[in-house]
C-alpha atoms as a PDB file:
ATOM      1  CA  MET A   1      91.422  65.712 121.540  1.00  0.00           C
ATOM      2  CA  THR A   2      91.667  67.471 118.169  1.00  0.00           C
ATOM      3  CA  TRP A   3      89.494  70.328 116.956  1.00  0.00           C
ATOM      4  CA  ASN A   4      89.504  72.786 114.068  1.00  0.00           C
ATOM      5  CA  VAL A   5      87.965  75.898 115.656  1.00  0.00           C
ATOM      6  CA  TRP A   6      87.137  77.788 112.425  1.00  0.00           C
ATOM      7  CA  TRP A   7      89.407  80.777 112.927  1.00  0.00           C
ATOM      8  CA  ARG A   8      87.630  84.156 113.196  1.00  0.00           C
ATOM      9  CA  PHE A   9      84.664  83.387 110.939  1.00  0.00           C
ATOM     10  CA  GLY A  10      81.005  83.899 111.780  1.00  0.00           C
ATOM     11  CA  ASP A  11      79.985  85.316 115.155  1.00  0.00           C
ATOM     12  CA  TRP A  12      83.366  84.483 116.676  1.00  0.00           C
ATOM     13  CA  ARG A  13      82.557  86.027 120.042  1.00  0.00           C
ATOM     14  CA  ALA A  14      79.545  83.766 120.561  1.00  0.00           C
ATOM     15  CA  ARG A  15      81.441  80.822 119.088  1.00  0.00           C
ATOM     16  CA  ARG A  16      84.339  81.426 121.492  1.00  0.00           C
ATOM     17  CA  GLU A  17      81.969  80.943 124.412  1.00  0.00           C
ATOM     18  CA  ALA A  18      80.639  77.759 122.794  1.00  0.00           C
ATOM     19  CA  LEU A  19      84.194  76.479 122.280  1.00  0.00           C
ATOM     20  CA  LEU A  20      84.897  77.101 125.948  1.00  0.00           C
ATOM     21  CA  ALA A  21      81.689  75.338 127.003  1.00  0.00           C
ATOM     22  CA  VAL A  22      82.548  72.191 125.012  1.00  0.00           C
ATOM     23  CA  LEU A  23      86.124  72.058 126.319  1.00  0.00           C
ATOM     24  CA  ARG A  24      84.945  72.651 129.872  1.00  0.00           C
ATOM     25  CA  ALA A  25      82.455  69.785 129.568  1.00  0.00           C
ATOM     26  CA  GLU A  26      84.970  67.385 128.002  1.00  0.00           C
ATOM     27  CA  GLN A  27      87.896  68.258 130.327  1.00  0.00           C
ATOM     28  CA  PRO A  28      90.556  66.848 127.979  1.00  0.00           C
ATOM     29  CA  ASP A  29      94.132  66.438 129.183  1.00  0.00           C
ATOM     30  CA  VAL A  30      95.695  67.534 125.889  1.00  0.00           C
ATOM     31  CA  VAL A  31      94.064  69.277 122.915  1.00  0.00           C
ATOM     32  CA  GLY A  32      95.382  70.016 119.427  1.00  0.00           C
ATOM     33  CA  LEU A  33      93.653  73.072 117.924  1.00  0.00           C
ATOM     34  CA  GLN A  34      93.749  74.269 114.332  1.00  0.00           C
ATOM     35  CA  GLU A  35      92.636  77.620 112.851  1.00  0.00           C
ATOM     36  CA  VAL A  36      93.465  79.468 116.047  1.00  0.00           C
ATOM     37  CA  TRP A  37      93.421  83.266 115.770  1.00  0.00           C
ATOM     38  CA  ALA A  38      95.506  85.882 117.508  1.00  0.00           C
ATOM     39  CA  THR A  39      95.604  89.681 117.465  1.00  0.00           C
ATOM     40  CA  GLU A  40      98.077  92.095 119.015  1.00  0.00           C
ATOM     41  CA  ASP A  41      95.971  92.095 122.176  1.00  0.00           C
ATOM     42  CA  GLU A  42      94.538  88.594 122.420  1.00  0.00           C
ATOM     43  CA  ASN A  43      95.199  84.965 121.537  1.00  0.00           C
ATOM     44  CA  LEU A  44      92.324  82.474 121.413  1.00  0.00           C
ATOM     45  CA  ALA A  45      94.483  79.627 122.763  1.00  0.00           C
ATOM     46  CA  GLN A  46      95.626  81.736 125.702  1.00  0.00           C
ATOM     47  CA  TRP A  47      92.046  82.940 126.312  1.00  0.00           C
ATOM     48  CA  LEU A  48      90.834  79.335 126.514  1.00  0.00           C
ATOM     49  CA  ALA A  49      93.818  78.138 128.553  1.00  0.00           C
ATOM     50  CA  GLU A  50      93.350  80.817 131.206  1.00  0.00           C
ATOM     51  CA  ARG A  51      89.694  79.889 131.690  1.00  0.00           C
ATOM     52  CA  LEU A  52      90.387  76.145 131.712  1.00  0.00           C
ATOM     53  CA  ASP A  53      93.490  76.334 133.924  1.00  0.00           C
ATOM     54  CA  MET A  54      95.633  74.752 131.211  1.00  0.00           C
ATOM     55  CA  GLU A  55      99.069  75.340 129.702  1.00  0.00           C
ATOM     56  CA  PHE A  56      99.202  76.408 126.058  1.00  0.00           C
ATOM     57  CA  ALA A  57     101.587  76.488 123.096  1.00  0.00           C
ATOM     58  CA  TRP A  58     100.971  78.538 119.944  1.00  0.00           C
ATOM     59  CA  SER A  59     102.448  78.454 116.450  1.00  0.00           C
ATOM     60  CA  PRO A  60     101.424  81.194 113.973  1.00  0.00           C
ATOM     61  CA  SER A  61     101.427  80.567 110.251  1.00  0.00           C
ATOM     62  CA  PRO A  62     104.195  82.434 108.379  1.00  0.00           C
ATOM     63  CA  ALA A  63     101.770  83.123 105.503  1.00  0.00           C
ATOM     64  CA  PRO A  64      98.252  83.953 106.774  1.00  0.00           C
ATOM     65  CA  GLN A  65      97.337  86.200 103.828  1.00  0.00           C
ATOM     66  CA  ARG A  66      94.895  83.761 102.201  1.00  0.00           C
ATOM     67  CA  TRP A  67      92.872  83.574 105.404  1.00  0.00           C
ATOM     68  CA  GLN A  68      92.993  87.301 105.953  1.00  0.00           C
ATOM     69  CA  ARG A  69      91.610  87.889 102.453  1.00  0.00           C
ATOM     70  CA  ARG A  70      88.754  85.484 103.114  1.00  0.00           C
ATOM     71  CA  LEU A  71      87.954  87.206 106.378  1.00  0.00           C
ATOM     72  CA  SER A  72      87.964  90.661 104.805  1.00  0.00           C
ATOM     73  CA  MET A  73      85.201  89.523 102.450  1.00  0.00           C
ATOM     74  CA  THR A  74      82.869  88.539 105.320  1.00  0.00           C
ATOM     75  CA  GLY A  75      82.656  92.026 106.781  1.00  0.00           C
ATOM     76  CA  GLU A  76      82.963  90.802 110.384  1.00  0.00           C
ATOM     77  CA  ASP A  77      86.583  91.981 110.811  1.00  0.00           C
ATOM     78  CA  ARG A  78      86.997  93.977 107.624  1.00  0.00           C
ATOM     79  CA  GLU A  79      89.112  96.769 109.115  1.00  0.00           C
ATOM     80  CA  ASP A  80      91.676  94.664 110.986  1.00  0.00           C
ATOM     81  CA  SER A  81      91.548  91.398 109.041  1.00  0.00           C
ATOM     82  CA  GLY A  82      95.041  91.977 107.660  1.00  0.00           C
ATOM     83  CA  THR A  83      96.579  91.930 111.129  1.00  0.00           C
ATOM     84  CA  ILE A  84      94.926  88.798 112.564  1.00  0.00           C
ATOM     85  CA  ALA A  85      97.267  85.811 112.879  1.00  0.00           C
ATOM     86  CA  PHE A  86      96.318  82.222 112.013  1.00  0.00           C
ATOM     87  CA  GLY A  87      97.885  79.060 113.385  1.00  0.00           C
ATOM     88  CA  ASN A  88      97.916  75.891 115.477  1.00  0.00           C
ATOM     89  CA  ALA A  89      97.873  75.522 119.245  1.00  0.00           C
ATOM     90  CA  VAL A  90      98.056  72.934 122.009  1.00  0.00           C
ATOM     91  CA  LEU A  91      96.290  73.110 125.371  1.00  0.00           C
ATOM     92  CA  SER A  92      97.516  70.832 128.165  1.00  0.00           C
ATOM     93  CA  ARG A  93      96.621  70.149 131.785  1.00  0.00           C
ATOM     94  CA  HIS A  94     100.239  69.093 132.349  1.00  0.00           C
ATOM     95  CA  PRO A  95     103.476  71.079 131.961  1.00  0.00           C
ATOM     96  CA  LEU A  96     104.984  71.427 128.488  1.00  0.00           C
ATOM     97  CA  LEU A  97     108.666  70.488 128.422  1.00  0.00           C
ATOM     98  CA  GLU A  98     109.484  71.472 124.859  1.00  0.00           C
ATOM     99  CA  GLN A  99     107.887  73.183 121.851  1.00  0.00           C
ATOM    100  CA  ARG A 100     108.998  72.857 118.220  1.00  0.00           C
ATOM    101  CA  VAL A 101     107.539  73.884 114.856  1.00  0.00           C
ATOM    102  CA  ALA A 102     107.974  72.343 111.394  1.00  0.00           C
ATOM    103  CA  HIS A 103     107.172  74.292 108.223  1.00  0.00           C
ATOM    104  CA  LEU A 104     105.445  72.128 105.631  1.00  0.00           C
ATOM    105  CA  PRO A 105     105.887  72.019 101.825  1.00  0.00           C
ATOM    106  CA  ARG A 106     103.825  74.590  99.945  1.00  0.00           C
ATOM    107  CA  GLY A 107     103.268  72.881  96.582  1.00  0.00           C
ATOM    108  CA  THR A 108     103.129  74.839  93.330  1.00  0.00           C
ATOM    109  CA  GLY A 109     100.249  77.140  94.263  1.00  0.00           C
ATOM    110  CA  GLU A 110      99.973  79.915  96.827  1.00  0.00           C
ATOM    111  CA  ASP A 111     101.906  79.310 100.013  1.00  0.00           C
ATOM    112  CA  GLU A 112      99.310  78.646 102.710  1.00  0.00           C
ATOM    113  CA  GLY A 113     101.926  78.740 105.462  1.00  0.00           C
ATOM    114  CA  ARG A 114     101.091  75.300 106.831  1.00  0.00           C
ATOM    115  CA  THR A 115     102.980  74.119 109.913  1.00  0.00           C
ATOM    116  CA  ALA A 116     103.052  71.368 112.521  1.00  0.00           C
ATOM    117  CA  LEU A 117     103.352  72.206 116.216  1.00  0.00           C
ATOM    118  CA  GLN A 118     104.961  69.654 118.534  1.00  0.00           C
ATOM    119  CA  VAL A 119     105.194  69.605 122.320  1.00  0.00           C
ATOM    120  CA  LEU A 120     106.502  67.157 124.896  1.00  0.00           C
ATOM    121  CA  VAL A 121     103.858  66.849 127.606  1.00  0.00           C
ATOM    122  CA  ASP A 122     105.081  66.089 131.122  1.00  0.00           C
ATOM    123  CA  ALA A 123     102.272  63.648 131.839  1.00  0.00           C
ATOM    124  CA  PRO A 124     102.065  62.115 135.345  1.00  0.00           C
ATOM    125  CA  GLN A 125     103.696  58.776 134.509  1.00  0.00           C
ATOM    126  CA  ARG A 126     105.739  59.434 131.350  1.00  0.00           C
ATOM    127  CA  VAL A 127     106.420  62.001 128.634  1.00  0.00           C
ATOM    128  CA  LEU A 128     103.868  62.240 125.813  1.00  0.00           C
ATOM    129  CA  PRO A 129     105.133  63.442 122.392  1.00  0.00           C
ATOM    130  CA  PHE A 130     102.148  65.321 120.953  1.00  0.00           C
ATOM    131  CA  THR A 131     101.895  67.006 117.547  1.00  0.00           C
ATOM    132  CA  THR A 132      99.081  68.882 115.819  1.00  0.00           C
ATOM    133  CA  THR A 133      98.883  70.041 112.204  1.00  0.00           C
ATOM    134  CA  HIS A 134      96.610  71.424 109.500  1.00  0.00           C
ATOM    135  CA  LEU A 135      97.159  70.460 105.852  1.00  0.00           C
ATOM    136  CA  ASN A 136      96.223  72.253 102.619  1.00  0.00           C
ATOM    137  CA  SER A 137      92.484  72.402 102.100  1.00  0.00           C
ATOM    138  CA  SER A 138      91.681  72.194  98.381  1.00  0.00           C
ATOM    139  CA  PRO A 139      90.218  68.808  97.333  1.00  0.00           C
ATOM    140  CA  ALA A 140      92.545  68.942  94.307  1.00  0.00           C
ATOM    141  CA  GLU A 141      95.729  69.183  96.422  1.00  0.00           C
ATOM    142  CA  SER A 142      96.211  65.568  97.448  1.00  0.00           C
ATOM    143  CA  ALA A 143      99.775  65.569  96.079  1.00  0.00           C
ATOM    144  CA  VAL A 144     100.659  68.584  98.237  1.00  0.00           C
ATOM    145  CA  ARG A 145      99.157  66.926 101.305  1.00  0.00           C
ATOM    146  CA  VAL A 146     101.159  63.740 100.646  1.00  0.00           C
ATOM    147  CA  ALA A 147     104.347  65.831 100.662  1.00  0.00           C
ATOM    148  CA  GLN A 148     103.196  67.617 103.818  1.00  0.00           C
ATOM    149  CA  VAL A 149     102.389  64.313 105.520  1.00  0.00           C
ATOM    150  CA  GLY A 150     105.896  63.081 104.770  1.00  0.00           C
ATOM    151  CA  GLU A 151     107.373  66.069 106.573  1.00  0.00           C
ATOM    152  CA  VAL A 152     104.920  65.781 109.471  1.00  0.00           C
ATOM    153  CA  VAL A 153     105.558  62.071 110.078  1.00  0.00           C
ATOM    154  CA  ARG A 154     109.326  62.577 110.043  1.00  0.00           C
ATOM    155  CA  PHE A 155     108.782  65.392 112.551  1.00  0.00           C
ATOM    156  CA  VAL A 156     106.640  63.128 114.760  1.00  0.00           C
ATOM    157  CA  ALA A 157     109.193  60.302 114.595  1.00  0.00           C
ATOM    158  CA  ASP A 158     111.983  62.699 115.537  1.00  0.00           C
ATOM    159  CA  GLY A 159     109.945  64.033 118.465  1.00  0.00           C
ATOM    160  CA  TYR A 160     109.407  60.479 119.660  1.00  0.00           C
ATOM    161  CA  GLN A 161     113.155  59.915 119.623  1.00  0.00           C
ATOM    162  CA  ARG A 162     113.638  63.113 121.657  1.00  0.00           C
ATOM    163  CA  SER A 163     111.256  61.842 124.353  1.00  0.00           C
ATOM    164  CA  ASP A 164     111.929  58.963 126.746  1.00  0.00           C
ATOM    165  CA  ARG A 165     110.120  56.706 124.221  1.00  0.00           C
ATOM    166  CA  SER A 166     108.014  55.115 126.951  1.00  0.00           C
ATOM    167  CA  TYR A 167     104.758  56.498 125.565  1.00  0.00           C
ATOM    168  CA  PRO A 168     103.694  56.250 121.889  1.00  0.00           C
ATOM    169  CA  PRO A 169     103.524  59.561 119.999  1.00  0.00           C
ATOM    170  CA  VAL A 170     100.209  61.201 119.133  1.00  0.00           C
ATOM    171  CA  LEU A 171      99.541  63.134 115.912  1.00  0.00           C
ATOM    172  CA  THR A 172      96.334  65.170 115.694  1.00  0.00           C
ATOM    173  CA  GLY A 173      94.957  67.517 113.116  1.00  0.00           C
ATOM    174  CA  ASP A 174      92.755  68.523 110.234  1.00  0.00           C
ATOM    175  CA  PHE A 175      94.173  66.620 107.260  1.00  0.00           C
ATOM    176  CA  ASN A 176      91.471  67.858 104.848  1.00  0.00           C
ATOM    177  CA  ALA A 177      91.513  64.299 103.475  1.00  0.00           C
ATOM    178  CA  VAL A 178      89.286  61.238 103.830  1.00  0.00           C
ATOM    179  CA  GLU A 179      90.540  58.037 105.435  1.00  0.00           C
ATOM    180  CA  THR A 180      91.016  56.219 102.098  1.00  0.00           C
ATOM    181  CA  SER A 181      93.190  58.992 100.647  1.00  0.00           C
ATOM    182  CA  ASP A 182      96.858  58.593  99.792  1.00  0.00           C
ATOM    183  CA  GLU A 183      97.850  61.158 102.393  1.00  0.00           C
ATOM    184  CA  VAL A 184      96.153  59.362 105.289  1.00  0.00           C
ATOM    185  CA  ARG A 185      97.465  55.959 104.160  1.00  0.00           C
ATOM    186  CA  VAL A 186     100.994  57.364 103.948  1.00  0.00           C
ATOM    187  CA  ALA A 187     100.630  59.005 107.367  1.00  0.00           C
ATOM    188  CA  CYS A 188      99.704  55.691 108.977  1.00  0.00           C
ATOM    189  CA  GLY A 189     102.329  53.639 107.165  1.00  0.00           C
ATOM    190  CA  TYR A 190     100.671  50.218 107.393  1.00  0.00           C
ATOM    191  CA  GLU A 191      98.599  50.062 104.171  1.00  0.00           C
ATOM    192  CA  THR A 192     101.069  52.174 102.202  1.00  0.00           C
ATOM    193  CA  ALA A 193     104.763  52.556 102.933  1.00  0.00           C
ATOM    194  CA  GLY A 194     105.303  55.487 105.259  1.00  0.00           C
ATOM    195  CA  PRO A 195     108.059  58.119 105.113  1.00  0.00           C
ATOM    196  CA  VAL A 196     109.964  56.630 108.094  1.00  0.00           C
ATOM    197  CA  GLU A 197     110.929  52.979 107.845  1.00  0.00           C
ATOM    198  CA  GLY A 198     109.413  50.896 110.635  1.00  0.00           C
ATOM    199  CA  PHE A 199     107.349  53.806 111.994  1.00  0.00           C
ATOM    200  CA  VAL A 200     103.573  53.254 112.134  1.00  0.00           C
ATOM    201  CA  LEU A 201     100.704  55.432 113.342  1.00  0.00           C
ATOM    202  CA  VAL A 202      97.276  53.907 113.988  1.00  0.00           C
ATOM    203  CA  ASP A 203      94.088  55.768 113.082  1.00  0.00           C
ATOM    204  CA  SER A 204      92.272  55.841 116.430  1.00  0.00           C
ATOM    205  CA  TRP A 205      88.888  55.714 114.687  1.00  0.00           C
ATOM    206  CA  ARG A 206      89.543  52.023 113.986  1.00  0.00           C
ATOM    207  CA  PHE A 207      88.634  51.546 117.665  1.00  0.00           C
ATOM    208  CA  ALA A 208      85.265  53.300 117.331  1.00  0.00           C
ATOM    209  CA  GLU A 209      81.986  51.606 118.101  1.00  0.00           C
ATOM    210  CA  PRO A 210      80.594  49.618 115.141  1.00  0.00           C
ATOM    211  CA  GLY A 211      78.571  51.822 112.819  1.00  0.00           C
ATOM    212  CA  ALA A 212      80.059  55.120 114.061  1.00  0.00           C
ATOM    213  CA  ASN A 213      80.740  57.212 110.961  1.00  0.00           C
ATOM    214  CA  GLY A 214      83.084  59.740 112.547  1.00  0.00           C
ATOM    215  CA  LEU A 215      81.975  62.599 110.295  1.00  0.00           C
ATOM    216  CA  THR A 216      83.897  65.629 111.519  1.00  0.00           C
ATOM    217  CA  TRP A 217      82.801  67.661 108.475  1.00  0.00           C
ATOM    218  CA  ASP A 218      79.057  67.074 108.555  1.00  0.00           C
ATOM    219  CA  ARG A 219      76.326  68.665 106.445  1.00  0.00           C
ATOM    220  CA  ARG A 220      74.104  68.668 109.539  1.00  0.00           C
ATOM    221  CA  ASN A 221      76.165  71.665 110.551  1.00  0.00           C
ATOM    222  CA  PRO A 222      74.798  74.681 108.623  1.00  0.00           C
ATOM    223  CA  TRP A 223      78.312  76.114 108.156  1.00  0.00           C
ATOM    224  CA  VAL A 224      79.222  72.928 106.277  1.00  0.00           C
ATOM    225  CA  ALA A 225      75.968  72.675 104.309  1.00  0.00           C
ATOM    226  CA  ARG A 226      76.464  76.113 102.807  1.00  0.00           C
ATOM    227  CA  VAL A 227      79.648  75.113 100.916  1.00  0.00           C
ATOM    228  CA  HIS A 228      77.842  72.284  99.051  1.00  0.00           C
ATOM    229  CA  GLN A 229      80.464  69.599  99.764  1.00  0.00           C
ATOM    230  CA  PRO A 230      79.756  66.062 100.990  1.00  0.00           C
ATOM    231  CA  SER A 231      80.116  65.062 104.624  1.00  0.00           C
ATOM    232  CA  ALA A 232      83.456  63.453 105.445  1.00  0.00           C
ATOM    233  CA  ARG A 233      85.847  62.365 108.177  1.00  0.00           C
ATOM    234  CA  ILE A 234      88.847  64.666 107.759  1.00  0.00           C
ATOM    235  CA  ASP A 235      90.088  65.218 111.350  1.00  0.00           C
ATOM    236  CA  TYR A 236      92.312  62.596 112.951  1.00  0.00           C
ATOM    237  CA  VAL A 237      94.022  61.390 116.072  1.00  0.00           C
ATOM    238  CA  LEU A 238      96.816  59.024 115.023  1.00  0.00           C
ATOM    239  CA  VAL A 239      98.639  57.090 117.733  1.00  0.00           C
ATOM    240  CA  GLY A 240     101.938  55.234 117.598  1.00  0.00           C
ATOM    241  CA  LEU A 241     101.952  51.481 118.032  1.00  0.00           C
ATOM    242  CA  ALA A 242     101.530  50.637 121.704  1.00  0.00           C
ATOM    243  CA  PRO A 243     104.049  48.362 123.443  1.00  0.00           C
ATOM    244  CA  PHE A 244     102.993  44.958 124.733  1.00  0.00           C
ATOM    245  CA  SER A 245     102.273  46.569 128.113  1.00  0.00           C
ATOM    246  CA  GLY A 246      99.438  48.515 126.467  1.00  0.00           C
ATOM    247  CA  HIS A 247     100.717  51.934 127.531  1.00  0.00           C
ATOM    248  CA  GLY A 248      99.262  54.512 125.171  1.00  0.00           C
ATOM    249  CA  SER A 249      96.835  52.133 123.486  1.00  0.00           C
ATOM    250  CA  VAL A 250      93.427  53.405 122.395  1.00  0.00           C
ATOM    251  CA  ARG A 251      90.627  52.575 124.823  1.00  0.00           C
ATOM    252  CA  SER A 252      87.840  54.543 123.143  1.00  0.00           C
ATOM    253  CA  VAL A 253      87.185  57.216 120.536  1.00  0.00           C
ATOM    254  CA  ARG A 254      84.161  59.390 119.806  1.00  0.00           C
ATOM    255  CA  LEU A 255      83.050  62.748 118.451  1.00  0.00           C
ATOM    256  CA  THR A 256      81.984  65.817 120.374  1.00  0.00           C
ATOM    257  CA  ALA A 257      80.701  69.277 119.373  1.00  0.00           C
ATOM    258  CA  THR A 258      78.199  67.604 117.056  1.00  0.00           C
ATOM    259  CA  GLU A 259      75.331  69.844 118.194  1.00  0.00           C
ATOM    260  CA  PRO A 260      74.980  73.602 118.817  1.00  0.00           C
ATOM    261  CA  VAL A 261      75.587  75.041 122.290  1.00  0.00           C
ATOM    262  CA  ASP A 262      72.643  77.261 123.262  1.00  0.00           C
ATOM    263  CA  GLY A 263      71.853  77.658 119.581  1.00  0.00           C
ATOM    264  CA  VAL A 264      75.472  78.353 118.539  1.00  0.00           C
ATOM    265  CA  TRP A 265      77.597  75.963 116.506  1.00  0.00           C
ATOM    266  CA  ALA A 266      81.058  76.305 118.060  1.00  0.00           C
ATOM    267  CA  SER A 267      82.835  75.470 114.790  1.00  0.00           C
ATOM    268  CA  ASP A 268      82.228  74.075 111.333  1.00  0.00           C
ATOM    269  CA  HIS A 269      84.125  70.947 112.471  1.00  0.00           C
ATOM    270  CA  ALA A 270      83.251  68.375 115.100  1.00  0.00           C
ATOM    271  CA  ALA A 271      86.035  67.363 117.485  1.00  0.00           C
ATOM    272  CA  VAL A 272      87.562  63.923 118.012  1.00  0.00           C
ATOM    273  CA  VAL A 273      88.085  62.723 121.595  1.00  0.00           C
ATOM    274  CA  VAL A 274      90.330  59.737 122.298  1.00  0.00           C
ATOM    275  CA  ASP A 275      90.906  58.007 125.621  1.00  0.00           C
ATOM    276  CA  LEU A 276      94.372  56.434 125.868  1.00  0.00           C
ATOM    277  CA  GLU A 277      95.569  53.801 128.333  1.00  0.00           C
ATOM    278  CA  PRO A 278      97.737  55.674 130.847  1.00  0.00           C
END
């Protein structure tokens, strides 16, 4: 599963409960989370993991200032906004054998401190190399995202080599890019040459039911409608090519968190849930 949890914006206390409710209902084995917040006293990933009886890994951004400025303008956390961390996290029902972080290219503008977090999951039958990331957000920064994707895919390929290579790698995240974009095509490596020769990642949404639009950024959500941008599919679960045995192949894919929980939208993003052949 992958989910951008909208950092500390809005009524984050009520949203935190809604996040927990969705994760508790879905019961995913492994989750990549983006826009995870942490303070000196509390970490959202740890808070969720403790209540879901899951392991967690956390990777703070080295440059959270842009997000802290945005938060200070909302008034919700005005006094302590400059001390709240921003980053990626992984929740897992199985032990985590290894954790690594890659720092992504910044481009020519402000450094947004983008990273990729990678873990090796000690799944029951074999080791799963699992990575989650969050790319630059401006619609005009496709070139930056292409550079970031290059670094991420090399990181994923290296993590696969560090595993027992019996289970295809999984890359999740908010790419802030539509499926026809250069950055997504480069990430997959089968319509456009990828950064690692012979290394291909499959967009799991290709296995969706016919007619499913997969809109993870949907104007039905009032937090999306207010920014006056079109609906789009910008969150992905990419899976390495499965062996002939079918291990790790995509069995199904769908969205969740597409409706409010007791009147509360958990995030401005919907989540993607993928069932893989064990």
